[in-house]
Structure formats: structure tokens, C-alpha cells
PDB file of all heavy atoms in Angstrom:
ATOM      1  N   VAL A   1       2.457  30.249   9.689  1.00  0.00           N
ATOM      2  CA  VAL A   1       2.718  28.965   9.023  1.00  0.00           C
ATOM      3  C   VAL A   1       3.871  28.288   9.761  1.00  0.00           C
ATOM      4  O   VAL A   1       4.997  28.787   9.744  1.00  0.00           O
ATOM      5  CB  VAL A   1       3.060  29.154   7.532  1.00  0.00           C
ATOM      6  CG1 VAL A   1       3.287  27.808   6.868  1.00  0.00           C
ATOM      7  CG2 VAL A   1       1.949  29.920   6.817  1.00  0.00           C
ATOM      8  N   TYR A   2       3.545  27.170  10.426  1.00  0.00           N
ATOM      9  CA  TYR A   2       4.539  26.443  11.219  1.00  0.00           C
ATOM     10  C   TYR A   2       5.015  25.200  10.484  1.00  0.00           C
ATOM     11  O   TYR A   2       4.199  24.470   9.905  1.00  0.00           O
ATOM     12  CB  TYR A   2       3.944  26.028  12.571  1.00  0.00           C
ATOM     13  CG  TYR A   2       3.768  27.185  13.514  1.00  0.00           C
ATOM     14  CD1 TYR A   2       2.584  27.907  13.540  1.00  0.00           C
ATOM     15  CD2 TYR A   2       4.796  27.570  14.359  1.00  0.00           C
ATOM     16  CE1 TYR A   2       2.426  28.981  14.400  1.00  0.00           C
ATOM     17  CE2 TYR A   2       4.647  28.642  15.220  1.00  0.00           C
ATOM     18  CZ  TYR A   2       3.461  29.349  15.241  1.00  0.00           C
ATOM     19  OH  TYR A   2       3.314  30.418  16.089  1.00  0.00           O
ATOM     20  N   PRO A   3       6.316  24.922  10.539  1.00  0.00           N
ATOM     21  CA  PRO A   3       6.811  23.669   9.961  1.00  0.00           C
ATOM     22  C   PRO A   3       6.475  22.501  10.886  1.00  0.00           C
ATOM     23  O   PRO A   3       6.479  22.644  12.110  1.00  0.00           O
ATOM     24  CB  PRO A   3       8.323  23.886   9.879  1.00  0.00           C
ATOM     25  CG  PRO A   3       8.631  24.872  10.954  1.00  0.00           C
ATOM     26  CD  PRO A   3       7.410  25.741  11.084  1.00  0.00           C
ATOM     27  N   ILE A   4       6.158  21.367  10.280  1.00  0.00           N
ATOM     28  CA  ILE A   4       5.910  20.145  11.040  1.00  0.00           C
ATOM     29  C   ILE A   4       6.758  19.027  10.439  1.00  0.00           C
ATOM     30  O   ILE A   4       7.133  19.080   9.269  1.00  0.00           O
ATOM     31  CB  ILE A   4       4.419  19.739  11.047  1.00  0.00           C
ATOM     32  CG1 ILE A   4       3.924  19.406   9.633  1.00  0.00           C
ATOM     33  CG2 ILE A   4       3.563  20.824  11.692  1.00  0.00           C
ATOM     34  CD1 ILE A   4       2.535  18.784   9.578  1.00  0.00           C
ATOM     35  N   ILE A   5       7.050  18.041  11.262  1.00  0.00           N
ATOM     36  CA  ILE A   5       7.777  16.859  10.803  1.00  0.00           C
ATOM     37  C   ILE A   5       6.854  15.664  10.962  1.00  0.00           C
ATOM     38  O   ILE A   5       6.315  15.422  12.046  1.00  0.00           O
ATOM     39  CB  ILE A   5       9.071  16.645  11.615  1.00  0.00           C
ATOM     40  CG1 ILE A   5       9.990  17.854  11.473  1.00  0.00           C
ATOM     41  CG2 ILE A   5       9.777  15.371  11.176  1.00  0.00           C
ATOM     42  CD1 ILE A   5      11.168  17.850  12.428  1.00  0.00           C
ATOM     43  N   LEU A   6       6.662  14.919   9.863  1.00  0.00           N
ATOM     44  CA  LEU A   6       5.824  13.719   9.884  1.00  0.00           C
ATOM     45  C   LEU A   6       6.737  12.500   9.848  1.00  0.00           C
ATOM     46  O   LEU A   6       7.499  12.321   8.903  1.00  0.00           O
ATOM     47  CB  LEU A   6       4.880  13.712   8.683  1.00  0.00           C
ATOM     48  CG  LEU A   6       3.878  14.865   8.648  1.00  0.00           C
ATOM     49  CD1 LEU A   6       4.284  15.871   7.601  1.00  0.00           C
ATOM     50  CD2 LEU A   6       2.498  14.352   8.416  1.00  0.00           C
ATOM     51  N   THR A   7       6.638  11.687  10.880  1.00  0.00           N
ATOM     52  CA  THR A   7       7.439  10.477  10.984  1.00  0.00           C
ATOM     53  C   THR A   7       6.541   9.275  10.740  1.00  0.00           C
ATOM     54  O   THR A   7       5.598   9.042  11.496  1.00  0.00           O
ATOM     55  CB  THR A   7       8.085  10.366  12.384  1.00  0.00           C
ATOM     56  OG1 THR A   7       8.834  11.570  12.633  1.00  0.00           O
ATOM     57  CG2 THR A   7       8.996   9.165  12.468  1.00  0.00           C
ATOM     58  N   PRO A   8       6.809   8.492   9.668  1.00  0.00           N
ATOM     59  CA  PRO A   8       5.967   7.326   9.380  1.00  0.00           C
ATOM     60  C   PRO A   8       6.102   6.270  10.478  1.00  0.00           C
ATOM     61  O   PRO A   8       7.192   6.055  11.019  1.00  0.00           O
ATOM     62  CB  PRO A   8       6.517   6.785   8.058  1.00  0.00           C
ATOM     63  CG  PRO A   8       7.453   7.808   7.531  1.00  0.00           C
ATOM     64  CD  PRO A   8       7.860   8.675   8.668  1.00  0.00           C
ATOM     65  N   THR A   9       4.969   5.644  10.823  1.00  0.00           N
ATOM     66  CA  THR A   9       4.944   4.528  11.767  1.00  0.00           C
ATOM     67  C   THR A   9       4.080   3.434  11.166  1.00  0.00           C
ATOM     68  O   THR A   9       3.475   3.616  10.107  1.00  0.00           O
ATOM     69  CB  THR A   9       4.354   4.942  13.134  1.00  0.00           C
ATOM     70  OG1 THR A   9       2.969   5.262  12.968  1.00  0.00           O
ATOM     71  CG2 THR A   9       5.085   6.138  13.729  1.00  0.00           C
ATOM     72  N   LYS A  10       3.963   2.315  11.861  1.00  0.00           N
ATOM     73  CA  LYS A  10       3.100   1.222  11.382  1.00  0.00           C
ATOM     74  C   LYS A  10       1.638   1.646  11.335  1.00  0.00           C
ATOM     75  O   LYS A  10       0.870   1.139  10.531  1.00  0.00           O
ATOM     76  CB  LYS A  10       3.236  -0.007  12.287  1.00  0.00           C
ATOM     77  CG  LYS A  10       4.551  -0.736  12.143  1.00  0.00           C
ATOM     78  CD  LYS A  10       4.550  -2.014  12.940  1.00  0.00           C
ATOM     79  CE  LYS A  10       4.933  -1.692  14.368  1.00  0.00           C
ATOM     80  NZ  LYS A  10       5.062  -2.873  15.220  1.00  0.00           N
ATOM     81  N   CYS A  11       1.263   2.583  12.189  1.00  0.00           N
ATOM     82  CA  CYS A  11      -0.144   2.992  12.297  1.00  0.00           C
ATOM     83  C   CYS A  11      -0.458   4.315  11.608  1.00  0.00           C
ATOM     84  O   CYS A  11      -1.567   4.811  11.730  1.00  0.00           O
ATOM     85  CB  CYS A  11      -0.529   3.084  13.767  1.00  0.00           C
ATOM     86  SG  CYS A  11      -0.321   1.559  14.662  1.00  0.00           S
ATOM     87  N   GLY A  12       0.503   4.918  10.943  1.00  0.00           N
ATOM     88  CA  GLY A  12       0.262   6.211  10.305  1.00  0.00           C
ATOM     89  C   GLY A  12       1.456   7.112  10.444  1.00  0.00           C
ATOM     90  O   GLY A  12       2.567   6.758  10.049  1.00  0.00           O
ATOM     91  N   TYR A  13       1.249   8.283  11.046  1.00  0.00           N
ATOM     92  CA  TYR A  13       2.313   9.274  11.177  1.00  0.00           C
ATOM     93  C   TYR A  13       2.282   9.921  12.555  1.00  0.00           C
ATOM     94  O   TYR A  13       1.218  10.272  13.056  1.00  0.00           O
ATOM     95  CB  TYR A  13       2.162  10.386  10.130  1.00  0.00           C
ATOM     96  CG  TYR A  13       2.415   9.908   8.731  1.00  0.00           C
ATOM     97  CD1 TYR A  13       1.388   9.343   7.969  1.00  0.00           C
ATOM     98  CD2 TYR A  13       3.684   9.983   8.165  1.00  0.00           C
ATOM     99  CE1 TYR A  13       1.618   8.878   6.688  1.00  0.00           C
ATOM    100  CE2 TYR A  13       3.924   9.519   6.883  1.00  0.00           C
ATOM    101  CZ  TYR A  13       2.887   8.970   6.159  1.00  0.00           C
ATOM    102  OH  TYR A  13       3.120   8.506   4.890  1.00  0.00           O
ATOM    103  N   VAL A  14       3.444  10.082  13.139  1.00  0.00           N
ATOM    104  CA  VAL A  14       3.602  10.914  14.322  1.00  0.00           C
ATOM    105  C   VAL A  14       4.005  12.289  13.813  1.00  0.00           C
ATOM    106  O   VAL A  14       4.844  12.400  12.919  1.00  0.00           O
ATOM    107  CB  VAL A  14       4.680  10.346  15.273  1.00  0.00           C
ATOM    108  CG1 VAL A  14       4.990  11.337  16.392  1.00  0.00           C
ATOM    109  CG2 VAL A  14       4.234   9.010  15.842  1.00  0.00           C
ATOM    110  N   VAL A  15       3.396  13.313  14.355  1.00  0.00           N
ATOM    111  CA  VAL A  15       3.652  14.670  13.905  1.00  0.00           C
ATOM    112  C   VAL A  15       4.304  15.459  15.024  1.00  0.00           C
ATOM    113  O   VAL A  15       3.809  15.485  16.146  1.00  0.00           O
ATOM    114  CB  VAL A  15       2.345  15.389  13.497  1.00  0.00           C
ATOM    115  CG1 VAL A  15       2.637  16.788  12.977  1.00  0.00           C
ATOM    116  CG2 VAL A  15       1.572  14.588  12.479  1.00  0.00           C
ATOM    117  N   SER A  16       5.395  16.104  14.702  1.00  0.00           N
ATOM    118  CA  SER A  16       6.104  16.957  15.647  1.00  0.00           C
ATOM    119  C   SER A  16       6.037  18.392  15.145  1.00  0.00           C
ATOM    120  O   SER A  16       6.203  18.640  13.950  1.00  0.00           O
ATOM    121  CB  SER A  16       7.559  16.489  15.750  1.00  0.00           C
ATOM    122  OG  SER A  16       8.316  17.418  16.481  1.00  0.00           O
ATOM    123  N   VAL A  17       5.788  19.307  16.071  1.00  0.00           N
ATOM    124  CA  VAL A  17       5.808  20.735  15.759  1.00  0.00           C
ATOM    125  C   VAL A  17       6.974  21.329  16.559  1.00  0.00           C
ATOM    126  O   VAL A  17       6.802  21.728  17.709  1.00  0.00           O
ATOM    127  CB  VAL A  17       4.472  21.424  16.127  1.00  0.00           C
ATOM    128  CG1 VAL A  17       4.466  22.873  15.654  1.00  0.00           C
ATOM    129  CG2 VAL A  17       3.283  20.660  15.570  1.00  0.00           C
ATOM    130  N   PRO A  18       8.163  21.345  15.966  1.00  0.00           N
ATOM    131  CA  PRO A  18       9.357  21.733  16.718  1.00  0.00           C
ATOM    132  C   PRO A  18       9.298  23.135  17.337  1.00  0.00           C
ATOM    133  O   PRO A  18       9.770  23.330  18.454  1.00  0.00           O
ATOM    134  CB  PRO A  18      10.487  21.661  15.687  1.00  0.00           C
ATOM    135  CG  PRO A  18       9.964  20.858  14.566  1.00  0.00           C
ATOM    136  CD  PRO A  18       8.478  20.988  14.588  1.00  0.00           C
ATOM    137  N   ASP A  19       8.717  24.088  16.645  1.00  0.00           N
ATOM    138  CA  ASP A  19       8.666  25.458  17.170  1.00  0.00           C
ATOM    139  C   ASP A  19       7.872  25.563  18.465  1.00  0.00           C
ATOM    140  O   ASP A  19       8.090  26.472  19.264  1.00  0.00           O
ATOM    141  CB  ASP A  19       8.044  26.412  16.149  1.00  0.00           C
ATOM    142  CG  ASP A  19       8.933  26.664  14.949  1.00  0.00           C
ATOM    143  OD1 ASP A  19      10.156  26.459  15.054  1.00  0.00           O
ATOM    144  OD2 ASP A  19       8.394  27.062  13.894  1.00  0.00           O
ATOM    145  N   LEU A  20       6.928  24.651  18.653  1.00  0.00           N
ATOM    146  CA  LEU A  20       6.035  24.741  19.811  1.00  0.00           C
ATOM    147  C   LEU A  20       6.226  23.577  20.786  1.00  0.00           C
ATOM    148  O   LEU A  20       5.566  23.530  21.820  1.00  0.00           O
ATOM    149  CB  LEU A  20       4.575  24.787  19.329  1.00  0.00           C
ATOM    150  CG  LEU A  20       4.266  25.850  18.273  1.00  0.00           C
ATOM    151  CD1 LEU A  20       2.817  25.774  17.842  1.00  0.00           C
ATOM    152  CD2 LEU A  20       4.609  27.239  18.779  1.00  0.00           C
ATOM    153  N   ASP A  21       7.080  22.640  20.435  1.00  0.00           N
ATOM    154  CA  ASP A  21       7.359  21.478  21.270  1.00  0.00           C
ATOM    155  C   ASP A  21       6.080  20.686  21.589  1.00  0.00           C
ATOM    156  O   ASP A  21       5.818  20.334  22.738  1.00  0.00           O
ATOM    157  CB  ASP A  21       8.081  21.893  22.556  1.00  0.00           C
ATOM    158  CG  ASP A  21       8.748  20.713  23.243  1.00  0.00           C
ATOM    159  OD1 ASP A  21       9.129  19.750  22.539  1.00  0.00           O
ATOM    160  OD2 ASP A  21       8.874  20.743  24.493  1.00  0.00           O
ATOM    161  N   ILE A  22       5.272  20.451  20.544  1.00  0.00           N
ATOM    162  CA  ILE A  22       4.070  19.635  20.710  1.00  0.00           C
ATOM    163  C   ILE A  22       4.069  18.535  19.660  1.00  0.00           C
ATOM    164  O   ILE A  22       4.711  18.655  18.613  1.00  0.00           O
ATOM    165  CB  ILE A  22       2.758  20.466  20.628  1.00  0.00           C
ATOM    166  CG1 ILE A  22       2.650  21.233  19.310  1.00  0.00           C
ATOM    167  CG2 ILE A  22       2.647  21.406  21.807  1.00  0.00           C
ATOM    168  CD1 ILE A  22       1.344  21.987  19.140  1.00  0.00           C
ATOM    169  N   ASP A  23       3.348  17.466  19.963  1.00  0.00           N
ATOM    170  CA  ASP A  23       3.242  16.313  19.066  1.00  0.00           C
ATOM    171  C   ASP A  23       1.783  15.893  18.951  1.00  0.00           C
ATOM    172  O   ASP A  23       0.973  16.139  19.845  1.00  0.00           O
ATOM    173  CB  ASP A  23       4.049  15.124  19.612  1.00  0.00           C
ATOM    174  CG  ASP A  23       5.520  15.433  19.750  1.00  0.00           C
ATOM    175  OD1 ASP A  23       6.118  15.918  18.779  1.00  0.00           O
ATOM    176  OD2 ASP A  23       6.073  15.179  20.835  1.00  0.00           O
ATOM    177  N   THR A  24       1.487  15.231  17.850  1.00  0.00           N
ATOM    178  CA  THR A  24       0.177  14.627  17.644  1.00  0.00           C
ATOM    179  C   THR A  24       0.381  13.478  16.670  1.00  0.00           C
ATOM    180  O   THR A  24       1.508  13.080  16.391  1.00  0.00           O
ATOM    181  CB  THR A  24      -0.860  15.666  17.150  1.00  0.00           C
ATOM    182  OG1 THR A  24      -2.162  15.067  17.133  1.00  0.00           O
ATOM    183  CG2 THR A  24      -0.521  16.227  15.789  1.00  0.00           C
ATOM    184  N   GLN A  25      -0.689  12.934  16.125  1.00  0.00           N
ATOM    185  CA  GLN A  25      -0.559  11.828  15.179  1.00  0.00           C
ATOM    186  C   GLN A  25      -1.774  11.761  14.274  1.00  0.00           C
ATOM    187  O   GLN A  25      -2.797  12.380  14.537  1.00  0.00           O
ATOM    188  CB  GLN A  25      -0.396  10.504  15.914  1.00  0.00           C
ATOM    189  CG  GLN A  25      -1.575  10.144  16.785  1.00  0.00           C
ATOM    190  CD  GLN A  25      -1.306   8.909  17.624  1.00  0.00           C
ATOM    191  OE1 GLN A  25      -0.169   8.549  17.875  1.00  0.00           O
ATOM    192  NE2 GLN A  25      -2.366   8.255  18.069  1.00  0.00           N
ATOM    193  N   GLY A  26      -1.647  10.984  13.199  1.00  0.00           N
ATOM    194  CA  GLY A  26      -2.751  10.774  12.275  1.00  0.00           C
ATOM    195  C   GLY A  26      -2.561   9.478  11.525  1.00  0.00           C
ATOM    196  O   GLY A  26      -1.434   9.004  11.368  1.00  0.00           O
ATOM    197  N   LYS A  27      -3.673   8.887  11.057  1.00  0.00           N
ATOM    198  CA  LYS A  27      -3.585   7.580  10.387  1.00  0.00           C
ATOM    199  C   LYS A  27      -3.032   7.685   8.964  1.00  0.00           C
ATOM    200  O   LYS A  27      -2.583   6.706   8.398  1.00  0.00           O
ATOM    201  CB  LYS A  27      -4.940   6.884  10.394  1.00  0.00           C
ATOM    202  CG  LYS A  27      -6.000   7.552   9.548  1.00  0.00           C
ATOM    203  CD  LYS A  27      -7.309   6.779   9.575  1.00  0.00           C
ATOM    204  CE  LYS A  27      -8.291   7.321   8.616  1.00  0.00           C
ATOM    205  NZ  LYS A  27      -9.234   8.267   9.032  1.00  0.00           N
ATOM    206  N   ASP A  28      -3.113   8.882   8.374  1.00  0.00           N
ATOM    207  CA  ASP A  28      -2.535   9.121   7.048  1.00  0.00           C
ATOM    208  C   ASP A  28      -2.055  10.572   7.015  1.00  0.00           C
ATOM    209  O   ASP A  28      -2.216  11.307   7.992  1.00  0.00           O
ATOM    210  CB  ASP A  28      -3.533   8.814   5.927  1.00  0.00           C
ATOM    211  CG  ASP A  28      -4.856   9.547   6.073  1.00  0.00           C
ATOM    212  OD1 ASP A  28      -4.863  10.689   6.587  1.00  0.00           O
ATOM    213  OD2 ASP A  28      -5.888   8.990   5.681  1.00  0.00           O
ATOM    214  N   ILE A  29      -1.456  10.975   5.907  1.00  0.00           N
ATOM    215  CA  ILE A  29      -0.880  12.327   5.846  1.00  0.00           C
ATOM    216  C   ILE A  29      -1.956  13.396   6.024  1.00  0.00           C
ATOM    217  O   ILE A  29      -1.756  14.366   6.764  1.00  0.00           O
ATOM    218  CB  ILE A  29      -0.096  12.535   4.535  1.00  0.00           C
ATOM    219  CG1 ILE A  29       1.167  11.667   4.549  1.00  0.00           C
ATOM    220  CG2 ILE A  29       0.281  14.005   4.342  1.00  0.00           C
ATOM    221  CD1 ILE A  29       1.986  11.714   3.277  1.00  0.00           C
ATOM    222  N   ALA A  30      -3.098  13.225   5.381  1.00  0.00           N
ATOM    223  CA  ALA A  30      -4.159  14.231   5.483  1.00  0.00           C
ATOM    224  C   ALA A  30      -4.625  14.387   6.926  1.00  0.00           C
ATOM    225  O   ALA A  30      -4.763  15.515   7.422  1.00  0.00           O
ATOM    226  CB  ALA A  30      -5.328  13.857   4.577  1.00  0.00           C
ATOM    227  N   GLU A  31      -4.860  13.266   7.594  1.00  0.00           N
ATOM    228  CA  GLU A  31      -5.308  13.347   8.984  1.00  0.00           C
ATOM    229  C   GLU A  31      -4.204  13.910   9.879  1.00  0.00           C
ATOM    230  O   GLU A  31      -4.466  14.678  10.806  1.00  0.00           O
ATOM    231  CB  GLU A  31      -5.755  11.987   9.509  1.00  0.00           C
ATOM    232  CG  GLU A  31      -6.299  12.072  10.935  1.00  0.00           C
ATOM    233  CD  GLU A  31      -6.788  10.733  11.459  1.00  0.00           C
ATOM    234  OE1 GLU A  31      -7.976  10.425  11.245  1.00  0.00           O
ATOM    235  OE2 GLU A  31      -5.986  10.014  12.078  1.00  0.00           O
TER     236      GLU A  31
END
């Protein structure tokens, strides 16, 4: 179970996975 940080943007959320130094994004929290 990895912690993630969701940063709100105009288009949804940028997601950071600090333990693994990777990022992704989604249009809403579920995505």
C-alpha cells in the first residue's frame, strides 16, 4: 500500500507517488 498525493488542477488531479518518484494524472479522484 503506497501513499499518493493528489494535487487539484483545472483539468483534474496530478498524482505523485513519492516512494517511487513517479507521477500520473486523472480527470477526477476515482480516475
